[in-house]
């Protein structure tokens, strides 16, 4: 597995968009390489990512976690702040596949406007990436929806709603 820097990734993407013949013959990053680059700090050079790593339960906030991918390891509960205009978060499971339990909990007075199943969300119910189905790189992107809660704008992997 080769180390791929941001400049290297940009170059590969630029070549792919242009359709360079030399690109088609060269080795290029696979999806798993890109996931590894994001989720494994030792995989890439220092400062190649602006990700924030959480290894224990935490309440996140815009000052320390906003505009950065948040990589979560271990059995961890990530509690969202009260929903506020302009806030968005990208939370990534950094555990090896089949390990760790990642729970995303809205503020007690908030909800996911639509839950993982696509139904109207319930106040103070969590979004869970279960250990049995979890894979490294599973993620959820959350954005401000309204004063009532968060919108799940993008999700990868198997996520369930708290009963």
C-alpha atoms as a PDB file:
ATOM      1  CA  UNK A   1       0.000   0.000   0.000  1.00  0.00           C
ATOM      2  CA  UNK A   2       1.602   3.235  -1.177  1.00  0.00           C
ATOM      3  CA  UNK A   3       1.389   6.541   0.641  1.00  0.00           C
ATOM      4  CA  UNK A   4      -0.793   8.945  -1.296  1.00  0.00           C
ATOM      5  CA  UNK A   5      -0.463  12.641  -0.533  1.00  0.00           C
ATOM      6  CA  UNK A   6      -3.089  15.293  -1.216  1.00  0.00           C
ATOM      7  CA  UNK A   7      -1.056  16.495  -4.228  1.00  0.00           C
ATOM      8  CA  UNK A   8      -0.790  12.926  -5.508  1.00  0.00           C
ATOM      9  CA  UNK A   9      -4.525  12.405  -5.119  1.00  0.00           C
ATOM     10  CA  UNK A  10      -5.248  15.693  -6.904  1.00  0.00           C
ATOM     11  CA  UNK A  11      -2.938  14.695  -9.742  1.00  0.00           C
ATOM     12  CA  UNK A  12      -4.605  11.291 -10.117  1.00  0.00           C
ATOM     13  CA  UNK A  13      -8.058  12.844 -10.105  1.00  0.00           C
ATOM     14  CA  UNK A  14      -6.992  15.496 -12.640  1.00  0.00           C
ATOM     15  CA  UNK A  15      -5.566  12.796 -14.920  1.00  0.00           C
ATOM     16  CA  UNK A  16      -8.716  10.718 -14.609  1.00  0.00           C
ATOM     17  CA  UNK A  17     -10.914  13.674 -15.543  1.00  0.00           C
ATOM     18  CA  UNK A  18      -8.725  14.441 -18.584  1.00  0.00           C
ATOM     19  CA  UNK A  19      -8.581  10.756 -19.509  1.00  0.00           C
ATOM     20  CA  UNK A  20      -4.775  10.639 -19.852  1.00  0.00           C
ATOM     21  CA  UNK A  21      -3.619   7.395 -21.433  1.00  0.00           C
ATOM     22  CA  UNK A  22      -0.630   7.242 -19.060  1.00  0.00           C
ATOM     23  CA  UNK A  23      -3.013   7.415 -16.118  1.00  0.00           C
ATOM     24  CA  UNK A  24      -4.935   4.407 -17.371  1.00  0.00           C
ATOM     25  CA  UNK A  25      -1.681   2.370 -17.379  1.00  0.00           C
ATOM     26  CA  UNK A  26      -0.423   3.589 -13.999  1.00  0.00           C
ATOM     27  CA  UNK A  27      -1.230   2.303 -10.543  1.00  0.00           C
ATOM     28  CA  UNK A  28      -3.876   4.398  -8.827  1.00  0.00           C
ATOM     29  CA  UNK A  29      -5.532   4.642  -5.460  1.00  0.00           C
ATOM     30  CA  UNK A  30      -8.384   2.243  -4.811  1.00  0.00           C
ATOM     31  CA  UNK A  31     -11.432   3.217  -2.777  1.00  0.00           C
ATOM     32  CA  UNK A  32      -9.960   1.308   0.181  1.00  0.00           C
ATOM     33  CA  UNK A  33      -6.706   3.281  -0.136  1.00  0.00           C
ATOM     34  CA  UNK A  34      -8.725   6.499   0.113  1.00  0.00           C
ATOM     35  CA  UNK A  35     -10.662   5.207   3.124  1.00  0.00           C
ATOM     36  CA  UNK A  36      -7.370   4.185   4.765  1.00  0.00           C
ATOM     37  CA  UNK A  37      -5.912   7.608   4.052  1.00  0.00           C
ATOM     38  CA  UNK A  38      -8.824   9.301   5.817  1.00  0.00           C
ATOM     39  CA  UNK A  39      -9.272   6.897   8.733  1.00  0.00           C
ATOM     40  CA  UNK A  40      -5.736   5.795   9.593  1.00  0.00           C
ATOM     41  CA  UNK A  41      -3.554   8.676  10.810  1.00  0.00           C
ATOM     42  CA  UNK A  42      -0.350   6.613  10.473  1.00  0.00           C
ATOM     43  CA  UNK A  43      -1.165   5.898   6.811  1.00  0.00           C
ATOM     44  CA  UNK A  44      -0.567   9.424   5.565  1.00  0.00           C
ATOM     45  CA  UNK A  45       2.119  12.032   6.183  1.00  0.00           C
ATOM     46  CA  UNK A  46       1.708  14.460   9.059  1.00  0.00           C
ATOM     47  CA  UNK A  47      -0.661  17.318   8.183  1.00  0.00           C
ATOM     48  CA  UNK A  48      -2.072  15.443   5.178  1.00  0.00           C
ATOM     49  CA  UNK A  49      -5.492  15.522   6.839  1.00  0.00           C
ATOM     50  CA  UNK A  50      -7.298  17.990   9.031  1.00  0.00           C
ATOM     51  CA  UNK A  51      -9.333  15.231  10.686  1.00  0.00           C
ATOM     52  CA  UNK A  52     -10.128  15.258  14.394  1.00  0.00           C
ATOM     53  CA  UNK A  53      -9.923  11.910  16.209  1.00  0.00           C
ATOM     54  CA  UNK A  54     -12.218  10.915  19.085  1.00  0.00           C
ATOM     55  CA  UNK A  55     -11.382   7.858  21.194  1.00  0.00           C
ATOM     56  CA  UNK A  56     -13.934   8.318  23.973  1.00  0.00           C
ATOM     57  CA  UNK A  57     -17.427   9.711  24.534  1.00  0.00           C
ATOM     58  CA  UNK A  58     -17.563  13.402  23.642  1.00  0.00           C
ATOM     59  CA  UNK A  59     -19.887  16.300  22.972  1.00  0.00           C
ATOM     60  CA  UNK A  60     -18.728  17.913  19.766  1.00  0.00           C
ATOM     61  CA  UNK A  61     -18.895  21.584  18.869  1.00  0.00           C
ATOM     62  CA  UNK A  62     -18.213  23.895  15.976  1.00  0.00           C
ATOM     63  CA  UNK A  63     -15.055  25.402  17.469  1.00  0.00           C
ATOM     64  CA  UNK A  64     -13.172  22.135  17.886  1.00  0.00           C
ATOM     65  CA  UNK A  65     -14.919  19.807  15.429  1.00  0.00           C
ATOM     66  CA  UNK A  66     -16.701  21.873  12.785  1.00  0.00           C
ATOM     67  CA  UNK A  67     -15.448  21.709   9.190  1.00  0.00           C
ATOM     68  CA  UNK A  68     -13.189  18.738  10.001  1.00  0.00           C
ATOM     69  CA  UNK A  69     -13.877  15.062   9.372  1.00  0.00           C
ATOM     70  CA  UNK A  70     -14.343  13.433  12.785  1.00  0.00           C
ATOM     71  CA  UNK A  71     -12.798   9.962  13.021  1.00  0.00           C
ATOM     72  CA  UNK A  72     -14.197   7.904  15.871  1.00  0.00           C
ATOM     73  CA  UNK A  73     -12.557   4.785  17.348  1.00  0.00           C
ATOM     74  CA  UNK A  74     -13.574   2.480  20.175  1.00  0.00           C
ATOM     75  CA  UNK A  75     -17.054   2.103  21.612  1.00  0.00           C
ATOM     76  CA  UNK A  76     -17.975   5.752  21.557  1.00  0.00           C
ATOM     77  CA  UNK A  77     -20.994   8.039  21.946  1.00  0.00           C
ATOM     78  CA  UNK A  78     -20.730  11.284  19.988  1.00  0.00           C
ATOM     79  CA  UNK A  79     -23.216  13.830  21.333  1.00  0.00           C
ATOM     80  CA  UNK A  80     -24.209  16.613  18.978  1.00  0.00           C
ATOM     81  CA  UNK A  81     -24.539  20.189  20.182  1.00  0.00           C
ATOM     82  CA  UNK A  82     -27.900  21.952  20.119  1.00  0.00           C
ATOM     83  CA  UNK A  83     -28.785  22.391  16.471  1.00  0.00           C
ATOM     84  CA  UNK A  84     -27.557  25.756  15.178  1.00  0.00           C
ATOM     85  CA  UNK A  85     -27.703  27.395  11.759  1.00  0.00           C
ATOM     86  CA  UNK A  86     -24.496  26.784   9.806  1.00  0.00           C
ATOM     87  CA  UNK A  87     -23.357  23.699  11.717  1.00  0.00           C
ATOM     88  CA  UNK A  88     -22.430  20.515   9.856  1.00  0.00           C
ATOM     89  CA  UNK A  89     -20.438  17.444  10.825  1.00  0.00           C
ATOM     90  CA  UNK A  90     -18.900  14.463   9.018  1.00  0.00           C
ATOM     91  CA  UNK A  91     -18.514  11.556  11.451  1.00  0.00           C
ATOM     92  CA  UNK A  92     -16.484   8.542  10.280  1.00  0.00           C
ATOM     93  CA  UNK A  93     -16.088   5.116  11.886  1.00  0.00           C
ATOM     94  CA  UNK A  94     -12.330   4.568  12.206  1.00  0.00           C
ATOM     95  CA  UNK A  95     -12.587   1.160  13.897  1.00  0.00           C
ATOM     96  CA  UNK A  96     -11.431  -2.017  12.161  1.00  0.00           C
ATOM     97  CA  UNK A  97     -14.446  -3.676  10.534  1.00  0.00           C
ATOM     98  CA  UNK A  98     -16.642  -5.592  13.002  1.00  0.00           C
ATOM     99  CA  UNK A  99     -15.334  -3.770  16.075  1.00  0.00           C
ATOM    100  CA  UNK A 100     -16.445  -0.800  18.125  1.00  0.00           C
ATOM    101  CA  UNK A 101     -19.921   0.633  18.507  1.00  0.00           C
ATOM    102  CA  UNK A 102     -20.478   4.164  17.205  1.00  0.00           C
ATOM    103  CA  UNK A 103     -23.508   6.010  18.546  1.00  0.00           C
ATOM    104  CA  UNK A 104     -24.453   9.526  17.470  1.00  0.00           C
ATOM    105  CA  UNK A 105     -26.771  11.204  19.934  1.00  0.00           C
ATOM    106  CA  UNK A 106     -28.599  14.462  19.240  1.00  0.00           C
ATOM    107  CA  UNK A 107     -28.931  17.049  21.989  1.00  0.00           C
ATOM    108  CA  UNK A 108     -31.791  16.036  24.325  1.00  0.00           C
ATOM    109  CA  UNK A 109     -34.174  18.589  22.776  1.00  0.00           C
ATOM    110  CA  UNK A 110     -33.248  17.794  19.146  1.00  0.00           C
ATOM    111  CA  UNK A 111     -33.801  14.954  16.690  1.00  0.00           C
ATOM    112  CA  UNK A 112     -32.828  13.739  13.256  1.00  0.00           C
ATOM    113  CA  UNK A 113     -35.617  15.221  11.128  1.00  0.00           C
ATOM    114  CA  UNK A 114     -35.678  11.955   9.181  1.00  0.00           C
ATOM    115  CA  UNK A 115     -34.133   8.916  10.842  1.00  0.00           C
ATOM    116  CA  UNK A 116     -31.945   6.200   9.280  1.00  0.00           C
ATOM    117  CA  UNK A 117     -35.046   4.341   8.105  1.00  0.00           C
ATOM    118  CA  UNK A 118     -36.384   7.468   6.385  1.00  0.00           C
ATOM    119  CA  UNK A 119     -39.250   8.028   8.825  1.00  0.00           C
ATOM    120  CA  UNK A 120     -39.889  11.212  10.774  1.00  0.00           C
ATOM    121  CA  UNK A 121     -37.328  11.298  13.562  1.00  0.00           C
ATOM    122  CA  UNK A 122     -38.077  11.167  17.271  1.00  0.00           C
ATOM    123  CA  UNK A 123     -36.637  13.646  19.747  1.00  0.00           C
ATOM    124  CA  UNK A 124     -33.494  12.470  21.556  1.00  0.00           C
ATOM    125  CA  UNK A 125     -33.171   9.144  19.679  1.00  0.00           C
ATOM    126  CA  UNK A 126     -29.697   8.022  18.591  1.00  0.00           C
ATOM    127  CA  UNK A 127     -28.255   6.919  15.274  1.00  0.00           C
ATOM    128  CA  UNK A 128     -26.173   3.734  15.691  1.00  0.00           C
ATOM    129  CA  UNK A 129     -23.501   2.026  13.575  1.00  0.00           C
ATOM    130  CA  UNK A 130     -23.623  -1.403  15.225  1.00  0.00           C
ATOM    131  CA  UNK A 131     -20.483  -3.390  15.884  1.00  0.00           C
ATOM    132  CA  UNK A 132     -21.684  -6.481  13.988  1.00  0.00           C
ATOM    133  CA  UNK A 133     -22.271  -4.602  10.720  1.00  0.00           C
ATOM    134  CA  UNK A 134     -19.760  -1.781  11.073  1.00  0.00           C
ATOM    135  CA  UNK A 135     -16.970  -1.347   8.561  1.00  0.00           C
ATOM    136  CA  UNK A 136     -14.025   1.018   8.716  1.00  0.00           C
ATOM    137  CA  UNK A 137     -15.036   4.085   6.752  1.00  0.00           C
ATOM    138  CA  UNK A 138     -18.779   3.954   7.477  1.00  0.00           C
ATOM    139  CA  UNK A 139     -19.885   7.550   7.905  1.00  0.00           C
ATOM    140  CA  UNK A 140     -22.720  10.001   8.297  1.00  0.00           C
ATOM    141  CA  UNK A 141     -22.832  13.657   7.264  1.00  0.00           C
ATOM    142  CA  UNK A 142     -25.140  15.839   9.321  1.00  0.00           C
ATOM    143  CA  UNK A 143     -26.256  19.396   8.587  1.00  0.00           C
ATOM    144  CA  UNK A 144     -28.498  21.941  10.264  1.00  0.00           C
ATOM    145  CA  UNK A 145     -32.078  21.212   9.231  1.00  0.00           C
ATOM    146  CA  UNK A 146     -34.211  23.500  11.358  1.00  0.00           C
ATOM    147  CA  UNK A 147     -34.554  24.569  14.961  1.00  0.00           C
ATOM    148  CA  UNK A 148     -36.043  21.086  15.534  1.00  0.00           C
ATOM    149  CA  UNK A 149     -33.069  19.027  14.447  1.00  0.00           C
ATOM    150  CA  UNK A 150     -30.468  17.654  12.087  1.00  0.00           C
ATOM    151  CA  UNK A 151     -30.688  16.399   8.516  1.00  0.00           C
ATOM    152  CA  UNK A 152     -28.748  13.276   7.572  1.00  0.00           C
ATOM    153  CA  UNK A 153     -27.413  14.572   4.264  1.00  0.00           C
ATOM    154  CA  UNK A 154     -25.323  11.512   3.456  1.00  0.00           C
ATOM    155  CA  UNK A 155     -24.808   8.094   5.015  1.00  0.00           C
ATOM    156  CA  UNK A 156     -22.631   5.086   4.170  1.00  0.00           C
ATOM    157  CA  UNK A 157     -22.803   1.716   5.885  1.00  0.00           C
ATOM    158  CA  UNK A 158     -25.494   0.097   8.001  1.00  0.00           C
ATOM    159  CA  UNK A 159     -27.025   2.496  10.505  1.00  0.00           C
ATOM    160  CA  UNK A 160     -30.030   1.869  12.736  1.00  0.00           C
ATOM    161  CA  UNK A 161     -32.229   4.046  14.885  1.00  0.00           C
ATOM    162  CA  UNK A 162     -32.410   3.774  18.656  1.00  0.00           C
ATOM    163  CA  UNK A 163     -35.578   1.883  19.628  1.00  0.00           C
END
